[in-house]
Structures are given as structure tokens and as C-alpha cells.
Amino acid sequence: MKLTEETVKNKIVFLGTAGARYAAFGLIRQAGGMWINIDGTNLHIDPGPGAFIYTHKKGLNPHWLSAIIVSHRHLDHCADVNHVIETITLGGKRKKGILLCPEDAISEDPVVLKFTRSNLQETVTIKEGFSRVIGNAEVSFPIKHVHGVETYGIVIKNSTETISLGYIADTKFFEKLIEAYSKVKVLIMNVTLKDPKPNIPHLSTIDAKRLIEGIKPDIAIMTHFGRTMVYAKPWEIARRLTDETGIETVAAWDNMIFDLETLKPVRQR
């Protein structure tokens, strides 16, 4: 089922669930990031490789976007950002859209080209604690993550806070994550590793359990799977985490639509 501008409201569309280089660039799964609608305001989070194509295949139109948010400069999170900007701005024919990203994504050796940025209404540099109202959505960046480059997760709410979601992007686990995302109803986590690897700053299934038990969201969603997670059948891991924590946990799949009002995936495989 393809979405339209009318049917996309208050939903997350997972345009990809691949994490890290092997899964994303080996095409084990898609890596297009997430399209999030909050009361009619459209945001594209982490438009990785293929995002431009996956968006159109899903019936979503980048012309609808108010903003693009890049959590960090690694290409599995931003490889298609320039394509998406070009589409928002009709190839530079109109000023439209806001880009929010860390400073190192637009400074030396920028992943977001100066040419495409010049066609946007605004480019905003993310810092820890920064927040911004974009249309009907309030977007904030509660804490800097521990990763190889400057990285931020995101909290997104509507004006009445009946919708609230937290996105924990790539990071090593540390205790302050729990407090930073403690009030969200929907917790999205990039769980790249099945088992912890001390030298790799990504979350594992053990870290996911600690976050779920500490934050206590209404529902948790795992995404951004590396090879070890894909081969371990993440839906089975999600079922186990649901049993162990008492909080429903879902393993996202490519093109999954999650309804932010019912807090349930829309089943249409």
C-alpha cells in the first residue's frame, strides 16, 4: 500500500532498517532512514543510501518535507541527503526546507554539499540541548552521543505532547541516555549488534534491554541492524525482550509503517 499526503499523518515510515557498512552497503536491508509525520509536519531522519528511491516507491513525496535531520555524518545515515534536498527545492528553483545536522557534516569535507544547502531556507547546526519548533513538531537534541563522529539523538513531540518519540541514534551505551530519553512514549533504538563489542560504539541487545527497563516507554522499536542482528532474527530478539521487560518491543522491518496514535505497526507485508 502506497501512502498519500492524507494517509501519512502521525506515522513513522521506516524506509530502511540496515545499520553499519555491511548491512547498508551490502544491501542486506534498505537504509533510507525514517519519514516521520507529526500532525501534518513531515520530517526525514537520516536519509541514507537509497532514501530518495525508497521514498518515492512508498508513495511519499519529498516536496511535502519541512525538514531533514541528520544525526551524524556517516554515510549509512546521510548518503542521499543531497538528492532529497534537490527534490525538496525543485533543483534549486524554490527556497524550501530546513536542514538540521552536526557542524562536522557541513564543515571541512562536508557530506551535505554547499550547493544544495544554498537552496534551503535554513541550515541549523545541532548542539546538545538545542530545540526547535518546526511546523507542528518540537524537535530537541537532549544529549551528545558517544560515537566516532559528532552524533545526536532526537526527541520529537507535538504541541500537546500526546505524541512523543525518542530516537537513540548510533552510540555506545552510557547511563545518561536513560535520563535524556526518560519521558518518551515511543522509543526507537539503533541496535546494530547482537552482542556487545567494547571497541565498537554501537548498541547491542543487552544495551537495548537496559534502555527499555530504564526509560520505560509505552513501546520500544529496534532498527538499524548490522549483520549479526539480521542473521539472529531480530523479531525473535524483540519477542524475548518483550517477555523479559514487560514492555512491548518491535523489530522494525523495511517499509514498516508505525501508527503514532494507536502505537502499533500497520501490518501490510
Protein backbone atom coordinates (compact mmCIF):
# COMPACT_ATOMS: atom_id res chain seq x y z
CA MET A 1 0.00 0.00 0.00
CA LYS A 2 1.38 3.37 -1.01
CA LEU A 3 0.87 6.37 1.21
CA THR A 4 -0.56 9.72 0.27
CA GLU A 5 -0.25 13.09 1.95
CA GLU A 6 -3.58 12.44 3.66
CA THR A 7 -2.80 8.94 4.96
CA VAL A 8 0.71 9.60 6.25
CA LYS A 9 -0.35 11.71 9.26
CA ASN A 10 1.05 10.76 12.69
CA LYS A 11 3.07 7.84 11.42
CA ILE A 12 6.65 6.68 11.13
CA VAL A 13 7.64 5.08 7.84
CA PHE A 14 10.81 3.02 8.15
CA LEU A 15 12.46 3.49 4.76
CA GLY A 16 15.25 1.21 5.86
CA THR A 17 16.41 -0.85 8.84
CA ALA A 18 20.02 -1.61 7.88
CA GLY A 19 22.83 -0.45 10.11
CA ALA A 20 26.57 -0.08 9.55
CA ARG A 21 28.50 -0.69 6.36
CA TYR A 22 27.94 -4.39 5.73
CA ALA A 23 24.16 -4.38 6.07
CA ALA A 24 23.60 -0.96 4.49
CA PHE A 25 26.05 -1.05 1.61
CA GLY A 26 25.81 -4.81 1.14
CA LEU A 27 22.07 -4.34 0.51
CA ILE A 28 21.13 -6.88 3.18
CA ARG A 29 18.37 -4.43 4.08
CA GLN A 30 17.34 -0.94 2.98
CA ALA A 31 18.98 2.09 4.60
CA GLY A 32 16.71 5.03 3.79
CA GLY A 33 16.14 6.25 7.35
CA MET A 34 12.74 7.29 8.71
CA TRP A 35 9.96 9.52 7.44
CA ILE A 36 8.06 10.91 10.44
CA ASN A 37 4.82 12.88 10.33
CA ILE A 38 3.70 14.86 13.39
CA ASP A 39 0.23 16.41 12.99
CA GLY A 40 0.89 17.06 9.30
CA THR A 41 4.55 18.16 9.58
CA ASN A 42 6.88 15.86 7.65
CA LEU A 43 10.46 15.15 8.71
CA HIS A 44 13.03 12.86 7.10
CA ILE A 45 15.53 11.46 9.59
CA ASP A 46 18.89 10.08 8.41
CA PRO A 47 18.37 9.71 4.64
CA GLY A 48 20.95 7.01 3.96
CA PRO A 49 21.75 5.21 0.69
CA GLY A 50 18.64 4.71 -1.42
CA ALA A 51 16.43 7.06 0.61
CA PHE A 52 15.43 9.06 -2.46
CA ILE A 53 14.24 5.93 -4.31
CA TYR A 54 12.61 4.23 -1.32
CA THR A 55 10.68 7.43 -0.53
CA HIS A 56 9.13 7.58 -3.99
CA LYS A 57 8.44 3.83 -4.07
CA LYS A 58 6.48 4.20 -0.85
CA GLY A 59 4.32 6.95 -2.40
CA LEU A 60 5.90 9.70 -0.31
CA ASN A 61 6.80 12.99 -1.97
CA PRO A 62 9.85 14.91 -0.73
CA HIS A 63 8.02 18.12 -1.68
CA TRP A 64 5.97 17.54 1.49
CA LEU A 65 9.02 17.70 3.76
CA SER A 66 9.52 20.56 6.19
CA ALA A 67 12.93 19.40 7.41
CA ILE A 68 15.72 16.87 7.07
CA ILE A 69 17.58 15.82 10.21
CA VAL A 70 20.97 14.11 10.04
CA SER A 71 22.10 12.55 13.31
CA HIS A 72 25.71 12.28 12.13
CA ARG A 73 27.90 12.31 9.05
CA HIS A 74 28.39 8.57 8.48
CA LEU A 75 27.13 7.68 5.02
CA ASP A 76 24.70 5.00 6.10
CA HIS A 77 22.81 7.94 7.66
CA CYS A 78 23.20 10.63 5.01
CA ALA A 79 24.33 9.26 1.64
CA ASP A 80 21.16 10.50 -0.08
CA VAL A 81 20.76 13.81 1.75
CA ASN A 82 21.75 15.89 -1.27
CA HIS A 83 19.28 14.05 -3.53
CA VAL A 84 16.47 14.68 -1.04
CA ILE A 85 17.38 18.38 -0.73
CA GLU A 86 17.39 18.76 -4.52
CA THR A 87 13.89 17.28 -4.65
CA ILE A 88 12.53 19.47 -1.85
CA THR A 89 13.81 22.59 -3.57
CA LEU A 90 12.90 21.50 -7.14
CA GLY A 91 16.58 21.56 -8.03
CA GLY A 92 17.02 24.99 -6.53
CA LYS A 93 14.00 26.64 -8.13
CA ARG A 94 12.49 27.47 -4.75
CA LYS A 95 13.78 28.05 -1.24
CA LYS A 96 12.21 25.41 0.95
CA GLY A 97 13.06 23.20 3.88
CA ILE A 98 15.34 23.19 6.91
CA LEU A 99 18.41 21.02 7.41
CA LEU A 100 19.46 20.17 10.98
CA CYS A 101 22.82 18.45 11.37
CA PRO A 102 26.04 18.45 13.42
CA GLU A 103 28.67 21.00 12.50
CA ASP A 104 31.09 18.44 11.06
CA ALA A 105 28.53 17.40 8.44
CA ILE A 106 28.84 20.80 6.76
CA SER A 107 32.37 21.94 7.60
CA GLU A 108 35.59 20.50 6.19
CA ASP A 109 34.91 17.62 3.77
CA PRO A 110 31.13 18.20 4.06
CA VAL A 111 28.69 15.38 3.39
CA VAL A 112 25.97 17.96 2.69
CA LEU A 113 27.13 19.97 -0.30
CA LYS A 114 27.32 23.75 -0.10
CA PHE A 115 25.50 23.93 -3.44
CA THR A 116 22.43 22.04 -2.23
CA ARG A 117 22.41 23.81 1.15
CA SER A 118 22.23 27.16 -0.61
CA ASN A 119 18.78 26.24 -1.90
CA LEU A 120 17.31 25.52 1.53
CA GLN A 121 15.51 28.09 3.65
CA GLU A 122 17.87 27.41 6.53
CA THR A 123 20.69 25.19 7.78
CA VAL A 124 20.79 24.70 11.55
CA THR A 125 23.75 23.29 13.49
CA ILE A 126 22.77 20.81 16.19
CA LYS A 127 24.18 21.14 19.69
CA GLU A 128 23.38 19.28 22.90
CA GLY A 129 20.23 20.73 24.47
CA PHE A 130 19.14 22.55 21.30
CA SER A 131 15.42 22.53 20.45
CA ARG A 132 13.38 23.96 17.61
CA VAL A 133 9.71 24.11 16.67
CA ILE A 134 9.17 23.07 13.06
CA GLY A 135 5.55 23.34 12.00
CA ASN A 136 3.55 21.20 14.40
CA ALA A 137 6.58 19.37 15.77
CA GLU A 138 9.02 20.28 18.53
CA VAL A 139 12.40 18.73 17.83
CA SER A 140 15.11 18.57 20.51
CA PHE A 141 18.54 17.01 20.87
CA PRO A 142 18.89 16.11 24.55
CA ILE A 143 22.40 14.68 24.72
CA LYS A 144 25.51 14.19 22.61
CA HIS A 145 26.09 10.52 21.89
CA VAL A 146 29.33 8.56 22.19
CA HIS A 147 30.27 7.60 18.66
CA GLY A 148 33.14 8.02 16.21
CA VAL A 149 31.91 11.41 15.00
CA GLU A 150 29.66 14.12 16.43
CA THR A 151 26.29 12.40 16.88
CA TYR A 152 22.93 13.32 18.40
CA GLY A 153 19.71 11.51 19.08
CA ILE A 154 16.35 13.22 18.79
CA VAL A 155 13.18 13.74 20.82
CA ILE A 156 10.10 14.75 18.81
CA LYS A 157 6.77 15.86 20.27
CA ASN A 158 3.58 17.51 19.10
CA SER A 159 2.26 20.65 20.79
CA THR A 160 0.01 18.76 23.21
CA GLU A 161 2.62 16.06 23.91
CA THR A 162 0.08 13.36 23.10
CA ILE A 163 2.75 12.18 20.66
CA SER A 164 6.33 11.85 21.87
CA LEU A 165 9.11 9.73 20.48
CA GLY A 166 12.80 9.38 21.12
CA TYR A 167 15.35 8.24 18.58
CA ILE A 168 18.60 6.94 20.07
CA ALA A 169 20.94 7.08 17.11
CA ASP A 170 24.32 5.35 16.87
CA THR A 171 26.11 5.38 20.21
CA LYS A 172 27.91 3.41 22.85
CA PHE A 173 25.68 2.77 25.86
CA PHE A 174 26.10 5.16 28.78
CA GLU A 175 23.81 5.73 31.75
CA LYS A 176 22.86 9.33 30.93
CA LEU A 177 20.94 8.09 27.88
CA ILE A 178 18.23 6.83 30.22
CA GLU A 179 17.55 10.22 31.76
CA ALA A 180 17.82 12.01 28.42
CA TYR A 181 15.01 9.95 26.85
CA SER A 182 13.05 9.20 30.01
CA LYS A 183 9.73 10.84 29.08
CA VAL A 184 9.08 9.47 25.59
CA LYS A 185 6.19 7.17 24.79
CA VAL A 186 7.83 5.61 21.73
CA LEU A 187 11.50 4.66 22.00
CA ILE A 188 13.39 3.97 18.76
CA MET A 189 16.86 2.48 19.18
CA ASN A 190 19.61 1.76 16.68
CA VAL A 191 20.53 -1.75 17.83
CA THR A 192 23.33 -2.72 15.48
CA LEU A 193 24.97 -5.53 17.45
CA LYS A 194 23.60 -8.79 18.79
CA ASP A 195 26.33 -8.99 21.43
CA PRO A 196 28.40 -6.15 22.92
CA LYS A 197 31.74 -5.37 21.30
CA PRO A 198 33.71 -2.96 23.51
CA ASN A 199 35.66 -1.43 20.62
CA ILE A 200 32.57 -0.75 18.50
CA PRO A 201 30.42 2.22 19.71
CA HIS A 202 27.03 0.76 18.82
CA LEU A 203 24.19 -0.57 20.94
CA SER A 204 23.72 -4.30 21.47
CA THR A 205 20.67 -6.28 22.54
CA ILE A 206 21.92 -6.16 26.15
CA ASP A 207 22.12 -2.37 25.93
CA ALA A 208 18.62 -2.27 24.43
CA LYS A 209 17.25 -4.17 27.41
CA ARG A 210 18.91 -1.73 29.85
CA LEU A 211 17.47 1.23 27.98
CA ILE A 212 13.96 -0.22 27.84
CA GLU A 213 13.97 -1.09 31.56
CA GLY A 214 15.36 2.32 32.49
CA ILE A 215 13.26 4.54 30.21
CA LYS A 216 10.03 2.52 30.43
CA PRO A 217 8.40 3.71 27.18
CA ASP A 218 4.94 2.57 26.15
CA ILE A 219 6.59 0.71 23.26
CA ALA A 220 10.15 0.18 22.04
CA ILE A 221 11.25 -0.23 18.43
CA MET A 222 14.61 -1.63 17.36
CA THR A 223 16.09 -0.72 13.98
CA HIS A 224 19.46 -0.12 12.21
CA PHE A 225 20.52 -3.76 12.31
CA GLY A 226 24.01 -4.96 11.47
CA ARG A 227 24.68 -8.39 10.04
CA THR A 228 24.77 -10.15 13.41
CA MET A 229 21.32 -8.81 14.23
CA VAL A 230 19.82 -9.62 10.84
CA TYR A 231 21.09 -13.19 10.96
CA ALA A 232 19.93 -13.58 14.58
CA LYS A 233 16.29 -12.87 13.52
CA PRO A 234 15.59 -9.55 15.26
CA TRP A 235 11.86 -10.29 15.56
CA GLU A 236 12.73 -13.21 17.85
CA ILE A 237 15.02 -10.97 19.91
CA ALA A 238 12.18 -8.43 20.14
CA ARG A 239 9.82 -11.12 21.39
CA ARG A 240 12.32 -12.13 24.07
CA LEU A 241 12.84 -8.53 25.17
CA THR A 242 9.06 -8.10 25.43
CA ASP A 243 8.88 -11.11 27.73
CA GLU A 244 11.86 -10.04 29.85
CA THR A 245 10.99 -6.35 30.26
CA GLY A 246 7.20 -6.44 30.17
CA ILE A 247 7.29 -3.65 27.57
CA GLU A 248 6.25 -4.41 24.01
CA THR A 249 9.30 -4.37 21.75
CA VAL A 250 9.12 -4.44 17.97
CA ALA A 251 11.86 -5.20 15.46
CA ALA A 252 11.25 -2.83 12.57
CA TRP A 253 11.23 -4.16 9.04
CA ASP A 254 11.86 -2.34 5.78
CA ASN A 255 8.87 -0.15 4.80
CA MET A 256 7.12 -0.76 8.13
CA ILE A 257 4.53 1.89 8.97
CA PHE A 258 4.09 2.63 12.66
CA ASP A 259 0.95 4.48 13.78
CA LEU A 260 1.81 7.07 16.44
CA GLU A 261 -1.82 7.26 17.61
CA THR A 262 -2.52 3.56 18.15
CA LEU A 263 1.16 2.80 18.93
CA LYS A 264 1.05 -0.21 16.67
CA PRO A 265 2.68 -1.21 13.40
CA VAL A 266 0.33 -1.22 10.43
CA ARG A 267 0.57 -4.80 9.19
CA GLN A 268 0.75 -4.80 5.41
CA ARG A 269 3.63 -7.00 4.40
